[in-house]
Amino acid sequence: MIKPNFLSSPVKQSPNTSDINRLLSAAVINRQFRSMLLCNPASAAETGYEGESFTFDHKEKEKICAIHASSLREFAAQLAAI
């Protein structure tokens, strides 16, 4: 039987889904954080929430900062599209 060699396979880089989920969760539960995320996504991503930081790489931060949305639903939809 041939075993797949996962170590030599190219690994596709995926977005940091854990921190994206944490970012959106913070926005759902806290009105002030949600407002900051919608008005200034860069600040929200860099500031973090309740002492917890998000670890987005440069490319992920650029994508988050490029989102312009008037609601969290709109923000999440745009985020899912990138």
PDB file of N, CA and C in Angstrom:
ATOM      1  N   MET A   1       0.840  -1.176   0.000  1.00  0.00           N
ATOM      2  CA  MET A   1       0.000   0.000   0.000  1.00  0.00           C
ATOM      3  C   MET A   1       0.889   1.245   0.000  1.00  0.00           C
ATOM      4  N   ILE A   2       0.534   2.198  -0.786  1.00  0.00           N
ATOM      5  CA  ILE A   2       1.296   3.444  -0.879  1.00  0.00           C
ATOM      6  C   ILE A   2       0.718   4.440   0.133  1.00  0.00           C
ATOM      7  N   LYS A   3       1.613   4.974   0.951  1.00  0.00           N
ATOM      8  CA  LYS A   3       1.191   5.973   1.928  1.00  0.00           C
ATOM      9  C   LYS A   3       1.456   7.361   1.365  1.00  0.00           C
ATOM     10  N   PRO A   4       0.516   8.278   1.548  1.00  0.00           N
ATOM     11  CA  PRO A   4       0.775   9.645   1.079  1.00  0.00           C
ATOM     12  C   PRO A   4       1.881  10.277   1.917  1.00  0.00           C
ATOM     13  N   ASN A   5       2.711  11.047   1.270  1.00  0.00           N
ATOM     14  CA  ASN A   5       3.798  11.728   1.960  1.00  0.00           C
ATOM     15  C   ASN A   5       3.377  13.173   2.208  1.00  0.00           C
ATOM     16  N   PHE A   6       2.815  13.430   3.367  1.00  0.00           N
ATOM     17  CA  PHE A   6       2.303  14.754   3.683  1.00  0.00           C
ATOM     18  C   PHE A   6       3.413  15.772   3.899  1.00  0.00           C
ATOM     19  N   LEU A   7       4.576  15.318   4.336  1.00  0.00           N
ATOM     20  CA  LEU A   7       5.654  16.249   4.628  1.00  0.00           C
ATOM     21  C   LEU A   7       6.245  16.876   3.381  1.00  0.00           C
ATOM     22  N   SER A   8       6.233  16.177   2.274  1.00  0.00           N
ATOM     23  CA  SER A   8       6.821  16.743   1.068  1.00  0.00           C
ATOM     24  C   SER A   8       5.786  17.419   0.174  1.00  0.00           C
ATOM     25  N   SER A   9       4.517  17.324   0.537  1.00  0.00           N
ATOM     26  CA  SER A   9       3.465  17.969  -0.249  1.00  0.00           C
ATOM     27  C   SER A   9       3.458  19.460   0.022  1.00  0.00           C
ATOM     28  N   PRO A  10       3.208  20.260  -1.006  1.00  0.00           N
ATOM     29  CA  PRO A  10       3.106  21.696  -0.752  1.00  0.00           C
ATOM     30  C   PRO A  10       1.886  21.968   0.138  1.00  0.00           C
ATOM     31  N   VAL A  11       2.069  22.817   1.114  1.00  0.00           N
ATOM     32  CA  VAL A  11       0.989  23.140   2.038  1.00  0.00           C
ATOM     33  C   VAL A  11       0.369  24.458   1.616  1.00  0.00           C
ATOM     34  N   LYS A  12      -0.923  24.447   1.428  1.00  0.00           N
ATOM     35  CA  LYS A  12      -1.628  25.665   1.059  1.00  0.00           C
ATOM     36  C   LYS A  12      -1.811  26.520   2.310  1.00  0.00           C
ATOM     37  N   GLN A  13      -1.421  27.771   2.217  1.00  0.00           N
ATOM     38  CA  GLN A  13      -1.597  28.689   3.332  1.00  0.00           C
ATOM     39  C   GLN A  13      -3.064  29.062   3.438  1.00  0.00           C
ATOM     40  N   SER A  14      -3.635  28.899   4.606  1.00  0.00           N
ATOM     41  CA  SER A  14      -5.025  29.269   4.808  1.00  0.00           C
ATOM     42  C   SER A  14      -5.086  30.444   5.760  1.00  0.00           C
ATOM     43  N   PRO A  15      -6.160  31.194   5.700  1.00  0.00           N
ATOM     44  CA  PRO A  15      -6.277  32.317   6.617  1.00  0.00           C
ATOM     45  C   PRO A  15      -6.269  31.826   8.056  1.00  0.00           C
ATOM     46  N   ASN A  16      -5.912  32.676   8.932  1.00  0.00           N
ATOM     47  CA  ASN A  16      -5.867  32.373  10.348  1.00  0.00           C
ATOM     48  C   ASN A  16      -7.306  32.300  10.870  1.00  0.00           C
ATOM     49  N   THR A  17      -7.956  31.174  10.644  1.00  0.00           N
ATOM     50  CA  THR A  17      -9.386  31.067  10.958  1.00  0.00           C
ATOM     51  C   THR A  17      -9.673  31.194  12.442  1.00  0.00           C
ATOM     52  N   SER A  18      -8.766  30.760  13.280  1.00  0.00           N
ATOM     53  CA  SER A  18      -8.990  30.869  14.719  1.00  0.00           C
ATOM     54  C   SER A  18      -9.085  32.335  15.147  1.00  0.00           C
ATOM     55  N   ASP A  19      -8.156  33.159  14.697  1.00  0.00           N
ATOM     56  CA  ASP A  19      -8.196  34.567  15.066  1.00  0.00           C
ATOM     57  C   ASP A  19      -9.318  35.313  14.352  1.00  0.00           C
ATOM     58  N   ILE A  20      -9.652  34.905  13.161  1.00  0.00           N
ATOM     59  CA  ILE A  20     -10.796  35.516  12.468  1.00  0.00           C
ATOM     60  C   ILE A  20     -12.073  35.227  13.251  1.00  0.00           C
ATOM     61  N   ASN A  21     -12.222  33.991  13.708  1.00  0.00           N
ATOM     62  CA  ASN A  21     -13.398  33.645  14.523  1.00  0.00           C
ATOM     63  C   ASN A  21     -13.415  34.424  15.829  1.00  0.00           C
ATOM     64  N   ARG A  22     -12.255  34.595  16.457  1.00  0.00           N
ATOM     65  CA  ARG A  22     -12.174  35.362  17.696  1.00  0.00           C
ATOM     66  C   ARG A  22     -12.515  36.827  17.458  1.00  0.00           C
ATOM     67  N   LEU A  23     -12.050  37.377  16.343  1.00  0.00           N
ATOM     68  CA  LEU A  23     -12.352  38.770  15.982  1.00  0.00           C
ATOM     69  C   LEU A  23     -13.852  38.969  15.824  1.00  0.00           C
ATOM     70  N   LEU A  24     -14.479  38.077  15.069  1.00  0.00           N
ATOM     71  CA  LEU A  24     -15.922  38.183  14.851  1.00  0.00           C
ATOM     72  C   LEU A  24     -16.712  37.924  16.130  1.00  0.00           C
ATOM     73  N   SER A  25     -16.260  36.994  16.940  1.00  0.00           N
ATOM     74  CA  SER A  25     -16.942  36.714  18.209  1.00  0.00           C
ATOM     75  C   SER A  25     -16.898  37.920  19.129  1.00  0.00           C
ATOM     76  N   ALA A  26     -15.752  38.567  19.196  1.00  0.00           N
ATOM     77  CA  ALA A  26     -15.634  39.769  20.024  1.00  0.00           C
ATOM     78  C   ALA A  26     -16.593  40.854  19.531  1.00  0.00           C
ATOM     79  N   ALA A  27     -16.723  40.974  18.219  1.00  0.00           N
ATOM     80  CA  ALA A  27     -17.624  41.976  17.646  1.00  0.00           C
ATOM     81  C   ALA A  27     -19.088  41.645  17.928  1.00  0.00           C
ATOM     82  N   VAL A  28     -19.411  40.372  17.993  1.00  0.00           N
ATOM     83  CA  VAL A  28     -20.794  39.958  18.283  1.00  0.00           C
ATOM     84  C   VAL A  28     -21.157  40.299  19.727  1.00  0.00           C
ATOM     85  N   ILE A  29     -20.239  40.058  20.650  1.00  0.00           N
ATOM     86  CA  ILE A  29     -20.598  40.197  22.063  1.00  0.00           C
ATOM     87  C   ILE A  29     -20.348  41.584  22.644  1.00  0.00           C
ATOM     88  N   ASN A  30     -19.603  42.437  21.941  1.00  0.00           N
ATOM     89  CA  ASN A  30     -19.291  43.740  22.500  1.00  0.00           C
ATOM     90  C   ASN A  30     -19.576  44.844  21.489  1.00  0.00           C
ATOM     91  N   ARG A  31     -20.521  45.698  21.823  1.00  0.00           N
ATOM     92  CA  ARG A  31     -20.960  46.768  20.913  1.00  0.00           C
ATOM     93  C   ARG A  31     -19.827  47.742  20.586  1.00  0.00           C
ATOM     94  N   GLN A  32     -19.016  48.096  21.588  1.00  0.00           N
ATOM     95  CA  GLN A  32     -17.915  49.038  21.351  1.00  0.00           C
ATOM     96  C   GLN A  32     -16.870  48.453  20.410  1.00  0.00           C
ATOM     97  N   PHE A  33     -16.527  47.194  20.616  1.00  0.00           N
ATOM     98  CA  PHE A  33     -15.549  46.555  19.730  1.00  0.00           C
ATOM     99  C   PHE A  33     -16.111  46.450  18.316  1.00  0.00           C
ATOM    100  N   ARG A  34     -17.407  46.123  18.215  1.00  0.00           N
ATOM    101  CA  ARG A  34     -18.046  46.029  16.905  1.00  0.00           C
ATOM    102  C   ARG A  34     -17.982  47.370  16.180  1.00  0.00           C
ATOM    103  N   SER A  35     -18.277  48.455  16.891  1.00  0.00           N
ATOM    104  CA  SER A  35     -18.216  49.791  16.288  1.00  0.00           C
ATOM    105  C   SER A  35     -16.807  50.107  15.811  1.00  0.00           C
ATOM    106  N   MET A  36     -15.796  49.768  16.636  1.00  0.00           N
ATOM    107  CA  MET A  36     -14.419  50.009  16.238  1.00  0.00           C
ATOM    108  C   MET A  36     -14.070  49.191  14.998  1.00  0.00           C
ATOM    109  N   LEU A  37     -14.497  47.935  14.973  1.00  0.00           N
ATOM    110  CA  LEU A  37     -14.202  47.072  13.834  1.00  0.00           C
ATOM    111  C   LEU A  37     -14.811  47.628  12.547  1.00  0.00           C
ATOM    112  N   LEU A  38     -16.022  48.137  12.636  1.00  0.00           N
ATOM    113  CA  LEU A  38     -16.691  48.666  11.446  1.00  0.00           C
ATOM    114  C   LEU A  38     -16.126  50.022  11.019  1.00  0.00           C
ATOM    115  N   CYS A  39     -15.740  50.844  11.992  1.00  0.00           N
ATOM    116  CA  CYS A  39     -15.207  52.183  11.674  1.00  0.00           C
ATOM    117  C   CYS A  39     -13.723  52.165  11.350  1.00  0.00           C
ATOM    118  N   ASN A  40     -12.983  51.314  12.043  1.00  0.00           N
ATOM    119  CA  ASN A  40     -11.533  51.283  11.878  1.00  0.00           C
ATOM    120  C   ASN A  40     -11.022  49.853  12.087  1.00  0.00           C
ATOM    121  N   PRO A  41     -11.183  49.006  11.071  1.00  0.00           N
ATOM    122  CA  PRO A  41     -10.781  47.613  11.216  1.00  0.00           C
ATOM    123  C   PRO A  41      -9.314  47.433  11.593  1.00  0.00           C
ATOM    124  N   ALA A  42      -8.435  48.321  11.118  1.00  0.00           N
ATOM    125  CA  ALA A  42      -7.007  48.216  11.439  1.00  0.00           C
ATOM    126  C   ALA A  42      -6.791  48.370  12.937  1.00  0.00           C
ATOM    127  N   SER A  43      -7.433  49.347  13.519  1.00  0.00           N
ATOM    128  CA  SER A  43      -7.295  49.581  14.954  1.00  0.00           C
ATOM    129  C   SER A  43      -7.841  48.411  15.762  1.00  0.00           C
ATOM    130  N   ALA A  44      -8.981  47.893  15.357  1.00  0.00           N
ATOM    131  CA  ALA A  44      -9.587  46.753  16.066  1.00  0.00           C
ATOM    132  C   ALA A  44      -8.683  45.529  15.993  1.00  0.00           C
ATOM    133  N   ALA A  45      -8.109  45.271  14.829  1.00  0.00           N
ATOM    134  CA  ALA A  45      -7.240  44.107  14.655  1.00  0.00           C
ATOM    135  C   ALA A  45      -5.948  44.259  15.453  1.00  0.00           C
ATOM    136  N   GLU A  46      -5.439  45.482  15.554  1.00  0.00           N
ATOM    137  CA  GLU A  46      -4.188  45.712  16.265  1.00  0.00           C
ATOM    138  C   GLU A  46      -4.397  45.820  17.779  1.00  0.00           C
ATOM    139  N   THR A  47      -5.502  46.425  18.197  1.00  0.00           N
ATOM    140  CA  THR A  47      -5.770  46.636  19.615  1.00  0.00           C
ATOM    141  C   THR A  47      -6.126  45.348  20.332  1.00  0.00           C
ATOM    142  N   GLY A  48      -6.869  44.503  19.653  1.00  0.00           N
ATOM    143  CA  GLY A  48      -7.326  43.274  20.284  1.00  0.00           C
ATOM    144  C   GLY A  48      -8.586  43.520  21.088  1.00  0.00           C
ATOM    145  N   TYR A  49      -8.931  42.556  21.927  1.00  0.00           N
ATOM    146  CA  TYR A  49     -10.164  42.653  22.705  1.00  0.00           C
ATOM    147  C   TYR A  49      -9.933  42.141  24.122  1.00  0.00           C
ATOM    148  N   GLU A  50     -10.239  42.973  25.106  1.00  0.00           N
ATOM    149  CA  GLU A  50     -10.138  42.592  26.518  1.00  0.00           C
ATOM    150  C   GLU A  50      -8.780  41.986  26.870  1.00  0.00           C
ATOM    151  N   GLY A  51      -7.717  42.624  26.373  1.00  0.00           N
ATOM    152  CA  GLY A  51      -6.373  42.150  26.684  1.00  0.00           C
ATOM    153  C   GLY A  51      -5.872  41.009  25.815  1.00  0.00           C
ATOM    154  N   GLU A  52      -6.728  40.471  24.983  1.00  0.00           N
ATOM    155  CA  GLU A  52      -6.348  39.393  24.061  1.00  0.00           C
ATOM    156  C   GLU A  52      -5.976  40.006  22.717  1.00  0.00           C
ATOM    157  N   SER A  53      -4.867  39.566  22.158  1.00  0.00           N
ATOM    158  CA  SER A  53      -4.455  40.094  20.859  1.00  0.00           C
ATOM    159  C   SER A  53      -4.778  39.096  19.752  1.00  0.00           C
ATOM    160  N   PHE A  54      -4.842  39.634  18.553  1.00  0.00           N
ATOM    161  CA  PHE A  54      -5.046  38.812  17.362  1.00  0.00           C
ATOM    162  C   PHE A  54      -3.707  38.715  16.646  1.00  0.00           C
ATOM    163  N   THR A  55      -3.418  37.568  16.088  1.00  0.00           N
ATOM    164  CA  THR A  55      -2.133  37.373  15.402  1.00  0.00           C
ATOM    165  C   THR A  55      -2.350  37.201  13.908  1.00  0.00           C
ATOM    166  N   PHE A  56      -2.638  38.310  13.262  1.00  0.00           N
ATOM    167  CA  PHE A  56      -2.808  38.298  11.809  1.00  0.00           C
ATOM    168  C   PHE A  56      -1.479  38.648  11.165  1.00  0.00           C
ATOM    169  N   ASP A  57      -1.172  37.973  10.065  1.00  0.00           N
ATOM    170  CA  ASP A  57       0.035  38.360   9.345  1.00  0.00           C
ATOM    171  C   ASP A  57      -0.273  39.612   8.518  1.00  0.00           C
ATOM    172  N   HIS A  58       0.750  40.140   7.882  1.00  0.00           N
ATOM    173  CA  HIS A  58       0.607  41.399   7.135  1.00  0.00           C
ATOM    174  C   HIS A  58      -0.478  41.309   6.060  1.00  0.00           C
ATOM    175  N   LYS A  59      -0.492  40.223   5.341  1.00  0.00           N
ATOM    176  CA  LYS A  59      -1.460  40.052   4.252  1.00  0.00           C
ATOM    177  C   LYS A  59      -2.902  39.991   4.792  1.00  0.00           C
ATOM    178  N   GLU A  60      -3.088  39.277   5.901  1.00  0.00           N
ATOM    179  CA  GLU A  60      -4.417  39.183   6.514  1.00  0.00           C
ATOM    180  C   GLU A  60      -4.872  40.543   7.020  1.00  0.00           C
ATOM    181  N   LYS A  61      -3.965  41.298   7.640  1.00  0.00           N
ATOM    182  CA  LYS A  61      -4.310  42.640   8.117  1.00  0.00           C
ATOM    183  C   LYS A  61      -4.722  43.546   6.967  1.00  0.00           C
ATOM    184  N   GLU A  62      -4.006  43.452   5.863  1.00  0.00           N
ATOM    185  CA  GLU A  62      -4.351  44.260   4.687  1.00  0.00           C
ATOM    186  C   GLU A  62      -5.768  43.950   4.208  1.00  0.00           C
ATOM    187  N   LYS A  63      -6.104  42.675   4.164  1.00  0.00           N
ATOM    188  CA  LYS A  63      -7.435  42.272   3.720  1.00  0.00           C
ATOM    189  C   LYS A  63      -8.518  42.764   4.685  1.00  0.00           C
ATOM    190  N   ILE A  64      -8.259  42.635   5.974  1.00  0.00           N
ATOM    191  CA  ILE A  64      -9.218  43.092   6.981  1.00  0.00           C
ATOM    192  C   ILE A  64      -9.394  44.601   6.878  1.00  0.00           C
ATOM    193  N   CYS A  65      -8.297  45.318   6.707  1.00  0.00           N
ATOM    194  CA  CYS A  65      -8.350  46.781   6.630  1.00  0.00           C
ATOM    195  C   CYS A  65      -9.049  47.278   5.370  1.00  0.00           C
ATOM    196  N   ALA A  66      -9.087  46.459   4.347  1.00  0.00           N
ATOM    197  CA  ALA A  66      -9.718  46.852   3.085  1.00  0.00           C
ATOM    198  C   ALA A  66     -11.246  46.727   3.131  1.00  0.00           C
ATOM    199  N   ILE A  67     -11.771  46.124   4.179  1.00  0.00           N
ATOM    200  CA  ILE A  67     -13.221  45.925   4.282  1.00  0.00           C
ATOM    201  C   ILE A  67     -13.892  47.220   4.716  1.00  0.00           C
ATOM    202  N   HIS A  68     -14.939  47.580   3.996  1.00  0.00           N
ATOM    203  CA  HIS A  68     -15.772  48.730   4.342  1.00  0.00           C
ATOM    204  C   HIS A  68     -17.195  48.216   4.447  1.00  0.00           C
ATOM    205  N   ALA A  69     -17.702  48.169   5.666  1.00  0.00           N
ATOM    206  CA  ALA A  69     -19.037  47.612   5.889  1.00  0.00           C
ATOM    207  C   ALA A  69     -19.783  48.459   6.915  1.00  0.00           C
ATOM    208  N   SER A  70     -21.095  48.466   6.800  1.00  0.00           N
ATOM    209  CA  SER A  70     -21.906  49.234   7.744  1.00  0.00           C
ATOM    210  C   SER A  70     -22.551  48.341   8.802  1.00  0.00           C
ATOM    211  N   SER A  71     -22.412  47.031   8.651  1.00  0.00           N
ATOM    212  CA  SER A  71     -22.960  46.111   9.646  1.00  0.00           C
ATOM    213  C   SER A  71     -21.992  44.941   9.810  1.00  0.00           C
ATOM    214  N   LEU A  72     -22.119  44.257  10.928  1.00  0.00           N
ATOM    215  CA  LEU A  72     -21.247  43.101  11.169  1.00  0.00           C
ATOM    216  C   LEU A  72     -21.531  41.999  10.157  1.00  0.00           C
ATOM    217  N   ARG A  73     -22.772  41.874   9.786  1.00  0.00           N
ATOM    218  CA  ARG A  73     -23.140  40.871   8.775  1.00  0.00           C
ATOM    219  C   ARG A  73     -22.420  41.145   7.460  1.00  0.00           C
ATOM    220  N   GLU A  74     -22.418  42.402   7.051  1.00  0.00           N
ATOM    221  CA  GLU A  74     -21.734  42.810   5.829  1.00  0.00           C
ATOM    222  C   GLU A  74     -20.217  42.570   5.960  1.00  0.00           C
ATOM    223  N   PHE A  75     -19.674  42.919   7.123  1.00  0.00           N
ATOM    224  CA  PHE A  75     -18.238  42.721   7.374  1.00  0.00           C
ATOM    225  C   PHE A  75     -17.876  41.249   7.247  1.00  0.00           C
ATOM    226  N   ALA A  76     -18.663  40.403   7.908  1.00  0.00           N
ATOM    227  CA  ALA A  76     -18.393  38.954   7.883  1.00  0.00           C
ATOM    228  C   ALA A  76     -18.500  38.401   6.460  1.00  0.00           C
ATOM    229  N   ALA A  77     -19.461  38.877   5.700  1.00  0.00           N
ATOM    230  CA  ALA A  77     -19.625  38.416   4.321  1.00  0.00           C
ATOM    231  C   ALA A  77     -18.416  38.786   3.476  1.00  0.00           C
ATOM    232  N   GLN A  78     -17.938  40.018   3.643  1.00  0.00           N
ATOM    233  CA  GLN A  78     -16.752  40.449   2.892  1.00  0.00           C
ATOM    234  C   GLN A  78     -15.519  39.679   3.350  1.00  0.00           C
ATOM    235  N   LEU A  79     -15.419  39.429   4.628  1.00  0.00           N
ATOM    236  CA  LEU A  79     -14.289  38.677   5.161  1.00  0.00           C
ATOM    237  C   LEU A  79     -14.276  37.254   4.642  1.00  0.00           C
ATOM    238  N   ALA A  80     -15.445  36.653   4.533  1.00  0.00           N
ATOM    239  CA  ALA A  80     -15.549  35.283   4.025  1.00  0.00           C
ATOM    240  C   ALA A  80     -15.166  35.202   2.546  1.00  0.00           C
ATOM    241  N   ALA A  81     -15.353  36.308   1.836  1.00  0.00           N
ATOM    242  CA  ALA A  81     -15.063  36.323   0.405  1.00  0.00           C
ATOM    243  C   ALA A  81     -13.566  36.438   0.103  1.00  0.00           C
ATOM    244  N   ILE A  82     -12.759  36.774   1.103  1.00  0.00           N
ATOM    245  CA  ILE A  82     -11.318  36.917   0.854  1.00  0.00           C
ATOM    246  C   ILE A  82     -10.532  35.728   1.347  1.00  0.00           C
TER     247      ILE A  82
END
